Amino acid sequence: MSPRAWAGFAAMSVVWGIPYLFIKVAVDGGMPPAFIAWVRVTLAAAILLTLAKRAGLLPSLRGKGRWLAVYAVVEIVIPFPLIAAGEQHVSSSLAAILIAAVPLFIALLAIRFDKEERETGRRLVGLVVGLVGVVVLMGIDVAGNSDELLGAAAILIAALGYAIGPMTLKRHLAALDPRATMGASLAIAAVVLTPFAALSPPQESPSAVVIISLLVLGIVCTALAFVIFGALIAEIGPGRALVITYVNPVVAVALGVIVLDERPGAGAIAGLLLIIAGSWLSTDGRLPPFLSRRRRPAGRSPLAHEGSGS
């Protein structure tokens, strides 16, 4: 890969590995989940729509309003508040590990909705392995604590939304520039989330750390992330860009341990390894480009999750 591609890959591994840390800081600092999501998407929408307008991309959105709304709901409106709500009850490390199951949900949905991505052979084995990882994590680290079970369930529902989003994008919005698509989707999400944020405003003034967390979530983890990811796909293609899916949870777990002093249990570690292994196998067992010279067959465009930044 070129130096530019390496820089993009490294940047994405970080910017979509750190949201869970900053979400945890915000919720522990008294920010309601809907308010966190609203601030994040409003900031990101303003930035990306400005970029899209300057590039003359907004006219390309004509006639796509319905699918932009669908994408906004399943990829942003539902997952963003649910992840924050889940992190009120579980650690940021556990949240990141559960979100790593997104490729597994994509594989499950593909059985019904996407013939190109249906599981056979090694990919089917990967799907089973990854789902076993989710069961192990839930059964060992979460079982017996009703609050943690509810939090984990909320995050798994968010992961399902993150799986539906790329399938919607692939089928109906793939031809559009990501700055326009994401900017418009985030703007729609901001409008939908506004009444929910208004109904649950913060009960106390946010600290400086919480304000910084909200700014990082909106500017870095959402707006900047989508711009970098679009450039990365253009540089190396969606298949190679998908490798960040396996790096993000490792970054998130490391930050949770170092910054928040979290201590993932045996179930979390075993679940992380099984989920990553299953996701790797269920996406054809693709190796990072520096470990494999095998090229993807022409005409095949595997799903690349554009909202795993959570």
C-alpha atoms as a PDB file:
ATOM      1  CA  MET A   1       0.000   0.000   0.000  1.00  0.00           C
ATOM      2  CA  SER A   2       1.022   3.597  -0.530  1.00  0.00           C
ATOM      3  CA  PRO A   3       2.066   5.807   2.426  1.00  0.00           C
ATOM      4  CA  ARG A   4      -1.233   7.631   2.036  1.00  0.00           C
ATOM      5  CA  ALA A   5      -3.166   4.358   2.346  1.00  0.00           C
ATOM      6  CA  TRP A   6      -1.168   3.329   5.414  1.00  0.00           C
ATOM      7  CA  ALA A   7      -1.853   6.707   7.005  1.00  0.00           C
ATOM      8  CA  GLY A   8      -5.576   6.358   6.305  1.00  0.00           C
ATOM      9  CA  PHE A   9      -5.644   2.814   7.675  1.00  0.00           C
ATOM     10  CA  ALA A  10      -3.840   3.837  10.856  1.00  0.00           C
ATOM     11  CA  ALA A  11      -6.109   6.860  11.302  1.00  0.00           C
ATOM     12  CA  MET A  12      -9.285   4.812  10.882  1.00  0.00           C
ATOM     13  CA  SER A  13      -8.071   2.163  13.300  1.00  0.00           C
ATOM     14  CA  VAL A  14      -7.821   4.909  15.921  1.00  0.00           C
ATOM     15  CA  VAL A  15     -10.807   7.153  15.160  1.00  0.00           C
ATOM     16  CA  TRP A  16     -13.226   4.227  15.117  1.00  0.00           C
ATOM     17  CA  GLY A  17     -11.546   2.574  18.085  1.00  0.00           C
ATOM     18  CA  ILE A  18     -11.860   5.539  20.457  1.00  0.00           C
ATOM     19  CA  PRO A  19     -15.609   6.425  20.412  1.00  0.00           C
ATOM     20  CA  TYR A  20     -16.447   3.910  23.132  1.00  0.00           C
ATOM     21  CA  LEU A  21     -14.017   5.560  25.529  1.00  0.00           C
ATOM     22  CA  PHE A  22     -15.464   9.038  24.955  1.00  0.00           C
ATOM     23  CA  ILE A  23     -19.069   7.780  25.074  1.00  0.00           C
ATOM     24  CA  LYS A  24     -18.307   6.184  28.439  1.00  0.00           C
ATOM     25  CA  VAL A  25     -16.784   9.441  29.716  1.00  0.00           C
ATOM     26  CA  ALA A  26     -19.862  11.365  28.568  1.00  0.00           C
ATOM     27  CA  VAL A  27     -22.450   9.015  30.090  1.00  0.00           C
ATOM     28  CA  ASP A  28     -20.509   8.749  33.345  1.00  0.00           C
ATOM     29  CA  GLY A  29     -20.390  12.564  33.328  1.00  0.00           C
ATOM     30  CA  GLY A  30     -24.190  12.751  33.405  1.00  0.00           C
ATOM     31  CA  MET A  31     -24.989  13.212  29.723  1.00  0.00           C
ATOM     32  CA  PRO A  32     -28.208  11.427  28.621  1.00  0.00           C
ATOM     33  CA  PRO A  33     -27.760   8.985  25.688  1.00  0.00           C
ATOM     34  CA  ALA A  34     -30.101  10.853  23.321  1.00  0.00           C
ATOM     35  CA  PHE A  35     -28.345  14.145  24.051  1.00  0.00           C
ATOM     36  CA  ILE A  36     -24.922  12.618  23.367  1.00  0.00           C
ATOM     37  CA  ALA A  37     -26.149  11.251  20.046  1.00  0.00           C
ATOM     38  CA  TRP A  38     -27.783  14.563  19.083  1.00  0.00           C
ATOM     39  CA  VAL A  39     -24.678  16.650  19.796  1.00  0.00           C
ATOM     40  CA  ARG A  40     -22.511  14.193  17.901  1.00  0.00           C
ATOM     41  CA  VAL A  41     -24.617  14.023  14.738  1.00  0.00           C
ATOM     42  CA  THR A  42     -25.388  17.750  14.678  1.00  0.00           C
ATOM     43  CA  LEU A  43     -21.694  18.658  14.753  1.00  0.00           C
ATOM     44  CA  ALA A  44     -20.803  16.067  12.132  1.00  0.00           C
ATOM     45  CA  ALA A  45     -23.725  17.015   9.860  1.00  0.00           C
ATOM     46  CA  ALA A  46     -22.719  20.672   9.861  1.00  0.00           C
ATOM     47  CA  ILE A  47     -19.154  19.801   8.886  1.00  0.00           C
ATOM     48  CA  LEU A  48     -19.948  17.229   6.190  1.00  0.00           C
ATOM     49  CA  LEU A  49     -22.772  19.216   4.597  1.00  0.00           C
ATOM     50  CA  THR A  50     -20.441  22.202   4.367  1.00  0.00           C
ATOM     51  CA  LEU A  51     -17.821  20.047   2.638  1.00  0.00           C
ATOM     52  CA  ALA A  52     -20.429  18.539   0.313  1.00  0.00           C
ATOM     53  CA  LYS A  53     -21.825  21.965  -0.592  1.00  0.00           C
ATOM     54  CA  ARG A  54     -18.372  23.355  -1.392  1.00  0.00           C
ATOM     55  CA  ALA A  55     -17.707  20.332  -3.608  1.00  0.00           C
ATOM     56  CA  GLY A  56     -21.023  20.812  -5.428  1.00  0.00           C
ATOM     57  CA  LEU A  57     -22.279  17.373  -4.351  1.00  0.00           C
ATOM     58  CA  LEU A  58     -25.675  18.212  -2.880  1.00  0.00           C
ATOM     59  CA  PRO A  59     -27.615  18.059  -6.199  1.00  0.00           C
ATOM     60  CA  SER A  60     -26.674  14.368  -6.454  1.00  0.00           C
ATOM     61  CA  LEU A  61     -28.987  13.651  -3.521  1.00  0.00           C
ATOM     62  CA  ARG A  62     -32.162  14.457  -5.463  1.00  0.00           C
ATOM     63  CA  GLY A  63     -34.569  11.534  -5.515  1.00  0.00           C
ATOM     64  CA  LYS A  64     -32.707   9.693  -2.756  1.00  0.00           C
ATOM     65  CA  GLY A  65     -34.559  11.166   0.227  1.00  0.00           C
ATOM     66  CA  ARG A  66     -36.411   7.983   1.192  1.00  0.00           C
ATOM     67  CA  TRP A  67     -33.289   5.808   1.271  1.00  0.00           C
ATOM     68  CA  LEU A  68     -31.258   8.484   3.008  1.00  0.00           C
ATOM     69  CA  ALA A  69     -33.925   8.539   5.715  1.00  0.00           C
ATOM     70  CA  VAL A  70     -33.886   4.739   6.023  1.00  0.00           C
ATOM     71  CA  TYR A  71     -30.104   4.741   6.233  1.00  0.00           C
ATOM     72  CA  ALA A  72     -30.126   7.547   8.808  1.00  0.00           C
ATOM     73  CA  VAL A  73     -32.549   5.663  11.051  1.00  0.00           C
ATOM     74  CA  VAL A  74     -30.884   2.239  10.979  1.00  0.00           C
ATOM     75  CA  GLU A  75     -27.276   3.482  10.949  1.00  0.00           C
ATOM     76  CA  ILE A  76     -27.467   6.530  13.235  1.00  0.00           C
ATOM     77  CA  VAL A  77     -30.778   7.307  14.947  1.00  0.00           C
ATOM     78  CA  ILE A  78     -31.152   3.873  16.529  1.00  0.00           C
ATOM     79  CA  PRO A  79     -27.525   2.762  17.143  1.00  0.00           C
ATOM     80  CA  PHE A  80     -25.992   5.977  18.507  1.00  0.00           C
ATOM     81  CA  PRO A  81     -28.361   6.426  21.505  1.00  0.00           C
ATOM     82  CA  LEU A  82     -28.478   2.669  22.142  1.00  0.00           C
ATOM     83  CA  ILE A  83     -24.697   2.411  22.423  1.00  0.00           C
ATOM     84  CA  ALA A  84     -24.615   5.317  24.853  1.00  0.00           C
ATOM     85  CA  ALA A  85     -27.499   3.793  26.819  1.00  0.00           C
ATOM     86  CA  GLY A  86     -25.724   0.451  26.868  1.00  0.00           C
ATOM     87  CA  GLU A  87     -22.534   2.023  28.171  1.00  0.00           C
ATOM     88  CA  GLN A  88     -24.466   3.268  31.187  1.00  0.00           C
ATOM     89  CA  HIS A  89     -24.427  -0.379  32.305  1.00  0.00           C
ATOM     90  CA  VAL A  90     -21.392  -2.022  30.665  1.00  0.00           C
ATOM     91  CA  SER A  91     -17.766  -1.082  30.119  1.00  0.00           C
ATOM     92  CA  SER A  92     -16.494   0.599  26.972  1.00  0.00           C
ATOM     93  CA  SER A  93     -14.412  -2.526  26.289  1.00  0.00           C
ATOM     94  CA  LEU A  94     -17.448  -4.781  26.325  1.00  0.00           C
ATOM     95  CA  ALA A  95     -19.356  -2.359  24.087  1.00  0.00           C
ATOM     96  CA  ALA A  96     -16.561  -2.394  21.492  1.00  0.00           C
ATOM     97  CA  ILE A  97     -16.353  -6.184  21.524  1.00  0.00           C
ATOM     98  CA  LEU A  98     -20.095  -6.510  20.942  1.00  0.00           C
ATOM     99  CA  ILE A  99     -19.995  -4.000  18.072  1.00  0.00           C
ATOM    100  CA  ALA A 100     -17.257  -6.154  16.507  1.00  0.00           C
ATOM    101  CA  ALA A 101     -20.052  -8.626  15.746  1.00  0.00           C
ATOM    102  CA  VAL A 102     -21.354  -6.355  12.954  1.00  0.00           C
ATOM    103  CA  PRO A 103     -19.875  -8.519  10.130  1.00  0.00           C
ATOM    104  CA  LEU A 104     -21.645 -11.511  11.655  1.00  0.00           C
ATOM    105  CA  PHE A 105     -25.003  -9.747  11.497  1.00  0.00           C
ATOM    106  CA  ILE A 106     -24.254  -8.764   7.905  1.00  0.00           C
ATOM    107  CA  ALA A 107     -23.605 -12.430   7.156  1.00  0.00           C
ATOM    108  CA  LEU A 108     -26.881 -13.458   8.780  1.00  0.00           C
ATOM    109  CA  LEU A 109     -28.894 -10.821   6.916  1.00  0.00           C
ATOM    110  CA  ALA A 110     -27.210 -11.768   3.649  1.00  0.00           C
ATOM    111  CA  ILE A 111     -28.749 -15.241   3.839  1.00  0.00           C
ATOM    112  CA  ARG A 112     -32.072 -13.581   3.050  1.00  0.00           C
ATOM    113  CA  PHE A 113     -31.212 -10.294   1.362  1.00  0.00           C
ATOM    114  CA  ASP A 114     -27.870 -10.484  -0.461  1.00  0.00           C
ATOM    115  CA  LYS A 115     -26.914 -13.472  -2.603  1.00  0.00           C
ATOM    116  CA  GLU A 116     -23.352 -12.198  -3.101  1.00  0.00           C
ATOM    117  CA  GLU A 117     -22.663 -12.290   0.630  1.00  0.00           C
ATOM    118  CA  ARG A 118     -24.324 -15.595   1.550  1.00  0.00           C
ATOM    119  CA  GLU A 119     -22.286 -17.884   3.742  1.00  0.00           C
ATOM    120  CA  THR A 120     -20.870 -21.165   2.438  1.00  0.00           C
ATOM    121  CA  GLY A 121     -17.874 -23.261   3.423  1.00  0.00           C
ATOM    122  CA  ARG A 122     -15.323 -21.371   5.470  1.00  0.00           C
ATOM    123  CA  ARG A 123     -17.528 -18.293   5.689  1.00  0.00           C
ATOM    124  CA  LEU A 124     -20.310 -20.361   7.287  1.00  0.00           C
ATOM    125  CA  VAL A 125     -17.812 -21.748   9.809  1.00  0.00           C
ATOM    126  CA  GLY A 126     -16.744 -18.177  10.583  1.00  0.00           C
ATOM    127  CA  LEU A 127     -20.350 -17.154  11.181  1.00  0.00           C
ATOM    128  CA  VAL A 128     -20.823 -19.977  13.675  1.00  0.00           C
ATOM    129  CA  VAL A 129     -17.512 -19.246  15.429  1.00  0.00           C
ATOM    130  CA  GLY A 130     -18.346 -15.563  15.791  1.00  0.00           C
ATOM    131  CA  LEU A 131     -21.821 -16.211  17.138  1.00  0.00           C
ATOM    132  CA  VAL A 132     -20.344 -18.650  19.649  1.00  0.00           C
ATOM    133  CA  GLY A 133     -18.080 -15.781  20.730  1.00  0.00           C
ATOM    134  CA  VAL A 134     -21.111 -13.577  21.421  1.00  0.00           C
ATOM    135  CA  VAL A 135     -22.734 -16.375  23.426  1.00  0.00           C
ATOM    136  CA  VAL A 136     -19.536 -16.968  25.417  1.00  0.00           C
ATOM    137  CA  LEU A 137     -19.172 -13.273  26.219  1.00  0.00           C
ATOM    138  CA  MET A 138     -22.810 -12.883  27.263  1.00  0.00           C
ATOM    139  CA  GLY A 139     -22.841 -16.148  29.198  1.00  0.00           C
ATOM    140  CA  ILE A 140     -19.639 -15.670  31.191  1.00  0.00           C
ATOM    141  CA  ASP A 141     -19.240 -11.922  31.760  1.00  0.00           C
ATOM    142  CA  VAL A 142     -22.819 -10.642  31.650  1.00  0.00           C
ATOM    143  CA  ALA A 143     -25.158 -13.446  32.731  1.00  0.00           C
ATOM    144  CA  GLY A 144     -26.692 -12.943  36.160  1.00  0.00           C
ATOM    145  CA  ASN A 145     -26.625  -9.147  36.086  1.00  0.00           C
ATOM    146  CA  SER A 146     -29.882  -7.797  34.676  1.00  0.00           C
ATOM    147  CA  ASP A 147     -28.554  -4.252  34.148  1.00  0.00           C
ATOM    148  CA  GLU A 148     -25.530  -5.491  32.215  1.00  0.00           C
ATOM    149  CA  LEU A 149     -27.723  -7.845  30.181  1.00  0.00           C
ATOM    150  CA  LEU A 150     -29.969  -4.927  29.192  1.00  0.00           C
ATOM    151  CA  GLY A 151     -26.937  -2.797  28.332  1.00  0.00           C
ATOM    152  CA  ALA A 152     -25.381  -5.563  26.239  1.00  0.00           C
ATOM    153  CA  ALA A 153     -28.705  -6.218  24.493  1.00  0.00           C
ATOM    154  CA  ALA A 154     -28.996  -2.527  23.585  1.00  0.00           C
ATOM    155  CA  ILE A 155     -25.513  -2.599  22.051  1.00  0.00           C
ATOM    156  CA  LEU A 156     -26.288  -5.775  20.089  1.00  0.00           C
ATOM    157  CA  ILE A 157     -29.385  -4.084  18.647  1.00  0.00           C
ATOM    158  CA  ALA A 158     -27.138  -1.176  17.654  1.00  0.00           C
ATOM    159  CA  ALA A 159     -24.793  -3.670  15.965  1.00  0.00           C
ATOM    160  CA  LEU A 160     -27.757  -5.027  14.009  1.00  0.00           C
ATOM    161  CA  GLY A 161     -28.506  -1.482  12.820  1.00  0.00           C
ATOM    162  CA  TYR A 162     -24.865  -1.097  11.793  1.00  0.00           C
ATOM    163  CA  ALA A 163     -25.294  -4.251   9.699  1.00  0.00           C
ATOM    164  CA  ILE A 164     -28.499  -3.126   7.996  1.00  0.00           C
ATOM    165  CA  GLY A 165     -27.013   0.291   7.182  1.00  0.00           C
ATOM    166  CA  PRO A 166     -24.267  -0.882   4.800  1.00  0.00           C
ATOM    167  CA  MET A 167     -26.678  -3.198   3.002  1.00  0.00           C
ATOM    168  CA  THR A 168     -28.998  -0.224   2.413  1.00  0.00           C
ATOM    169  CA  LEU A 169     -26.035   1.878   1.320  1.00  0.00           C
ATOM    170  CA  LYS A 170     -24.770  -0.796  -1.065  1.00  0.00           C
ATOM    171  CA  ARG A 171     -28.124  -1.340  -2.728  1.00  0.00           C
ATOM    172  CA  HIS A 172     -29.479   2.213  -2.975  1.00  0.00           C
ATOM    173  CA  LEU A 173     -26.792   4.846  -2.259  1.00  0.00           C
ATOM    174  CA  ALA A 174     -23.474   3.361  -3.368  1.00  0.00           C
ATOM    175  CA  ALA A 175     -23.076   5.714  -6.336  1.00  0.00           C
ATOM    176  CA  LEU A 176     -23.109   8.861  -4.205  1.00  0.00           C
ATOM    177  CA  ASP A 177     -20.101  10.629  -2.708  1.00  0.00           C
ATOM    178  CA  PRO A 178     -19.787   9.715   1.000  1.00  0.00           C
ATOM    179  CA  ARG A 179     -19.556  13.375   2.028  1.00  0.00           C
ATOM    180  CA  ALA A 180     -23.000  14.031   0.595  1.00  0.00           C
ATOM    181  CA  THR A 181     -24.529  10.738   1.729  1.00  0.00           C
ATOM    182  CA  MET A 182     -23.235  10.926   5.272  1.00  0.00           C
ATOM    183  CA  GLY A 183     -23.826  14.664   5.615  1.00  0.00           C
ATOM    184  CA  ALA A 184     -27.468  14.339   4.561  1.00  0.00           C
ATOM    185  CA  SER A 185     -28.012  11.217   6.674  1.00  0.00           C
ATOM    186  CA  LEU A 186     -26.526  12.882   9.732  1.00  0.00           C
ATOM    187  CA  ALA A 187     -28.704  15.963   9.173  1.00  0.00           C
ATOM    188  CA  ILE A 188     -31.819  13.784   9.000  1.00  0.00           C
ATOM    189  CA  ALA A 189     -30.710  11.987  12.151  1.00  0.00           C
ATOM    190  CA  ALA A 190     -30.150  15.297  13.931  1.00  0.00           C
ATOM    191  CA  VAL A 191     -33.713  16.392  13.130  1.00  0.00           C
ATOM    192  CA  VAL A 192     -35.181  13.081  14.320  1.00  0.00           C
ATOM    193  CA  LEU A 193     -33.126  13.087  17.525  1.00  0.00           C
ATOM    194  CA  THR A 194     -33.901  16.718  18.420  1.00  0.00           C
ATOM    195  CA  PRO A 195     -37.184  16.058  20.309  1.00  0.00           C
ATOM    196  CA  PHE A 196     -35.626  13.138  22.200  1.00  0.00           C
ATOM    197  CA  ALA A 197     -32.666  15.288  23.211  1.00  0.00           C
ATOM    198  CA  ALA A 198     -35.033  18.081  24.256  1.00  0.00           C
ATOM    199  CA  LEU A 199     -37.035  15.692  26.438  1.00  0.00           C
ATOM    200  CA  SER A 200     -33.921  14.468  28.258  1.00  0.00           C
ATOM    201  CA  PRO A 201     -31.519  17.404  28.632  1.00  0.00           C
ATOM    202  CA  PRO A 202     -28.522  17.176  30.964  1.00  0.00           C
ATOM    203  CA  GLN A 203     -29.427  17.719  34.609  1.00  0.00           C
ATOM    204  CA  GLU A 204     -26.102  19.380  35.365  1.00  0.00           C
ATOM    205  CA  SER A 205     -23.553  21.487  33.557  1.00  0.00           C
ATOM    206  CA  PRO A 206     -21.057  19.276  31.722  1.00  0.00           C
ATOM    207  CA  SER A 207     -17.464  19.301  32.897  1.00  0.00           C
ATOM    208  CA  ALA A 208     -14.628  20.289  30.597  1.00  0.00           C
ATOM    209  CA  VAL A 209     -13.754  16.611  30.081  1.00  0.00           C
ATOM    210  CA  VAL A 210     -17.318  15.807  29.017  1.00  0.00           C
ATOM    211  CA  ILE A 211     -17.414  18.761  26.605  1.00  0.00           C
ATOM    212  CA  ILE A 212     -14.140  17.607  25.055  1.00  0.00           C
ATOM    213  CA  SER A 213     -15.555  14.087  24.741  1.00  0.00           C
ATOM    214  CA  LEU A 214     -18.635  15.370  22.894  1.00  0.00           C
ATOM    215  CA  LEU A 215     -16.500  17.455  20.548  1.00  0.00           C
ATOM    216  CA  VAL A 216     -14.209  14.499  19.798  1.00  0.00           C
ATOM    217  CA  LEU A 217     -17.215  12.258  19.122  1.00  0.00           C
ATOM    218  CA  GLY A 218     -18.772  14.708  16.686  1.00  0.00           C
ATOM    219  CA  ILE A 219     -15.730  16.147  14.922  1.00  0.00           C
ATOM    220  CA  VAL A 220     -13.215  13.298  14.988  1.00  0.00           C
ATOM    221  CA  CYS A 221     -15.152  10.056  15.423  1.00  0.00           C
ATOM    222  CA  THR A 222     -17.956  10.973  13.024  1.00  0.00           C
ATOM    223  CA  ALA A 223     -17.200  13.806  10.571  1.00  0.00           C
ATOM    224  CA  LEU A 224     -13.462  13.271  10.134  1.00  0.00           C
ATOM    225  CA  ALA A 225     -13.868   9.496  10.245  1.00  0.00           C
ATOM    226  CA  PHE A 226     -16.259   9.444   7.293  1.00  0.00           C
ATOM    227  CA  VAL A 227     -13.996  11.696   5.220  1.00  0.00           C
ATOM    228  CA  ILE A 228     -10.932   9.529   5.926  1.00  0.00           C
ATOM    229  CA  PHE A 229     -12.831   6.305   5.328  1.00  0.00           C
ATOM    230  CA  GLY A 230     -14.118   7.547   1.971  1.00  0.00           C
ATOM    231  CA  ALA A 231     -10.564   8.425   0.943  1.00  0.00           C
ATOM    232  CA  LEU A 232      -9.306   5.047   2.172  1.00  0.00           C
ATOM    233  CA  ILE A 233     -11.886   3.154   0.110  1.00  0.00           C
ATOM    234  CA  ALA A 234     -10.932   5.193  -2.948  1.00  0.00           C
ATOM    235  CA  GLU A 235      -7.262   4.377  -2.333  1.00  0.00           C
ATOM    236  CA  ILE A 236      -7.367   0.643  -1.572  1.00  0.00           C
ATOM    237  CA  GLY A 237     -10.940  -0.507  -2.175  1.00  0.00           C
ATOM    238  CA  PRO A 238     -13.682  -1.612   0.256  1.00  0.00           C
ATOM    239  CA  GLY A 239     -12.340  -5.139   0.740  1.00  0.00           C
ATOM    240  CA  ARG A 240      -8.998  -4.042   2.160  1.00  0.00           C
ATOM    241  CA  ALA A 241     -10.564  -1.154   4.058  1.00  0.00           C
ATOM    242  CA  LEU A 242     -12.765  -3.705   5.849  1.00  0.00           C
ATOM    243  CA  VAL A 243      -9.681  -4.948   7.741  1.00  0.00           C
ATOM    244  CA  ILE A 244     -10.158  -2.061  10.227  1.00  0.00           C
ATOM    245  CA  THR A 245     -13.134  -4.029  11.569  1.00  0.00           C
ATOM    246  CA  TYR A 246     -10.661  -6.386  13.219  1.00  0.00           C
ATOM    247  CA  VAL A 247      -8.427  -3.643  14.637  1.00  0.00           C
ATOM    248  CA  ASN A 248     -10.981  -1.260  16.176  1.00  0.00           C
ATOM    249  CA  PRO A 249     -12.109  -3.429  19.113  1.00  0.00           C
ATOM    250  CA  VAL A 250      -8.500  -4.122  20.081  1.00  0.00           C
ATOM    251  CA  VAL A 251      -7.840  -0.363  20.208  1.00  0.00           C
ATOM    252  CA  ALA A 252     -11.019   0.185  22.219  1.00  0.00           C
ATOM    253  CA  VAL A 253     -10.205  -2.542  24.740  1.00  0.00           C
ATOM    254  CA  ALA A 254      -6.651  -1.226  25.173  1.00  0.00           C
ATOM    255  CA  LEU A 255      -7.949   2.307  25.820  1.00  0.00           C
ATOM    256  CA  GLY A 256     -10.533   1.027  28.288  1.00  0.00           C
ATOM    257  CA  VAL A 257      -7.832  -0.780  30.246  1.00  0.00           C
ATOM    258  CA  ILE A 258      -5.256   2.040  30.139  1.00  0.00           C
ATOM    259  CA  VAL A 259      -7.466   5.114  30.549  1.00  0.00           C
ATOM    260  CA  LEU A 260     -10.540   3.878  32.432  1.00  0.00           C
ATOM    261  CA  ASP A 261      -8.843   1.074  34.366  1.00  0.00           C
ATOM    262  CA  GLU A 262     -11.348  -1.451  33.024  1.00  0.00           C
ATOM    263  CA  ARG A 263     -10.576  -5.127  33.520  1.00  0.00           C
ATOM    264  CA  PRO A 264     -12.185  -7.300  30.838  1.00  0.00           C
ATOM    265  CA  GLY A 265     -13.116 -10.719  32.184  1.00  0.00           C
ATOM    266  CA  ALA A 266     -12.307 -14.120  30.748  1.00  0.00           C
ATOM    267  CA  GLY A 267     -15.568 -14.133  28.796  1.00  0.00           C
ATOM    268  CA  ALA A 268     -14.768 -10.771  27.200  1.00  0.00           C
ATOM    269  CA  ILE A 269     -11.303 -11.866  26.085  1.00  0.00           C
ATOM    270  CA  ALA A 270     -12.536 -15.233  24.785  1.00  0.00           C
ATOM    271  CA  GLY A 271     -15.498 -13.539  23.099  1.00  0.00           C
ATOM    272  CA  LEU A 272     -13.247 -10.925  21.479  1.00  0.00           C
ATOM    273  CA  LEU A 273     -10.956 -13.574  20.000  1.00  0.00           C
ATOM    274  CA  LEU A 274     -13.852 -15.711  18.742  1.00  0.00           C
ATOM    275  CA  ILE A 275     -15.770 -12.744  17.304  1.00  0.00           C
ATOM    276  CA  ILE A 276     -12.703 -11.400  15.462  1.00  0.00           C
ATOM    277  CA  ALA A 277     -11.851 -14.883  14.157  1.00  0.00           C
ATOM    278  CA  GLY A 278     -15.443 -15.446  13.070  1.00  0.00           C
ATOM    279  CA  SER A 279     -15.683 -12.044  11.389  1.00  0.00           C
ATOM    280  CA  TRP A 280     -12.407 -12.694   9.576  1.00  0.00           C
ATOM    281  CA  LEU A 281     -13.594 -16.057   8.272  1.00  0.00           C
ATOM    282  CA  SER A 282     -17.101 -14.830   7.429  1.00  0.00           C
ATOM    283  CA  THR A 283     -15.613 -12.129   5.197  1.00  0.00           C
ATOM    284  CA  ASP A 284     -13.756 -14.774   3.152  1.00  0.00           C
ATOM    285  CA  GLY A 285     -10.793 -14.901   5.526  1.00  0.00           C
ATOM    286  CA  ARG A 286      -9.219 -11.824   3.978  1.00  0.00           C
ATOM    287  CA  LEU A 287      -5.732 -11.086   5.205  1.00  0.00           C
ATOM    288  CA  PRO A 288      -4.413  -7.566   5.525  1.00  0.00           C
ATOM    289  CA  PRO A 289      -2.808  -6.540   2.235  1.00  0.00           C
ATOM    290  CA  PHE A 290       0.704  -6.684   3.685  1.00  0.00           C
ATOM    291  CA  LEU A 291       0.165 -10.388   4.542  1.00  0.00           C
ATOM    292  CA  SER A 292      -1.493 -11.565   1.355  1.00  0.00           C
ATOM    293  CA  ARG A 293      -0.877 -11.057  -2.338  1.00  0.00           C
ATOM    294  CA  ARG A 294      -4.118 -12.709  -3.381  1.00  0.00           C
ATOM    295  CA  ARG A 295      -6.367 -10.275  -5.201  1.00  0.00           C
ATOM    296  CA  ARG A 296     -10.094 -10.082  -4.898  1.00  0.00           C
ATOM    297  CA  PRO A 297     -11.927 -11.369  -8.011  1.00  0.00           C
ATOM    298  CA  ALA A 298     -12.999  -8.600 -10.355  1.00  0.00           C
ATOM    299  CA  GLY A 299     -16.562  -7.425 -10.004  1.00  0.00           C
ATOM    300  CA  ARG A 300     -16.900  -8.454  -6.367  1.00  0.00           C
ATOM    301  CA  SER A 301     -17.441  -5.576  -3.956  1.00  0.00           C
ATOM    302  CA  PRO A 302     -17.730  -6.848  -0.372  1.00  0.00           C
ATOM    303  CA  LEU A 303     -19.592  -4.842   2.177  1.00  0.00           C
ATOM    304  CA  ALA A 304     -17.547  -2.300   4.043  1.00  0.00           C
ATOM    305  CA  HIS A 305     -19.201  -1.008   7.171  1.00  0.00           C
ATOM    306  CA  GLU A 306     -19.275   2.779   7.100  1.00  0.00           C
ATOM    307  CA  GLY A 307     -20.758   3.325  10.623  1.00  0.00           C
ATOM    308  CA  SER A 308     -18.758   1.070  12.774  1.00  0.00           C
ATOM    309  CA  GLY A 309     -17.461   4.150  14.438  1.00  0.00           C
ATOM    310  CA  SER A 310     -20.326   3.921  16.629  1.00  0.00           C
END
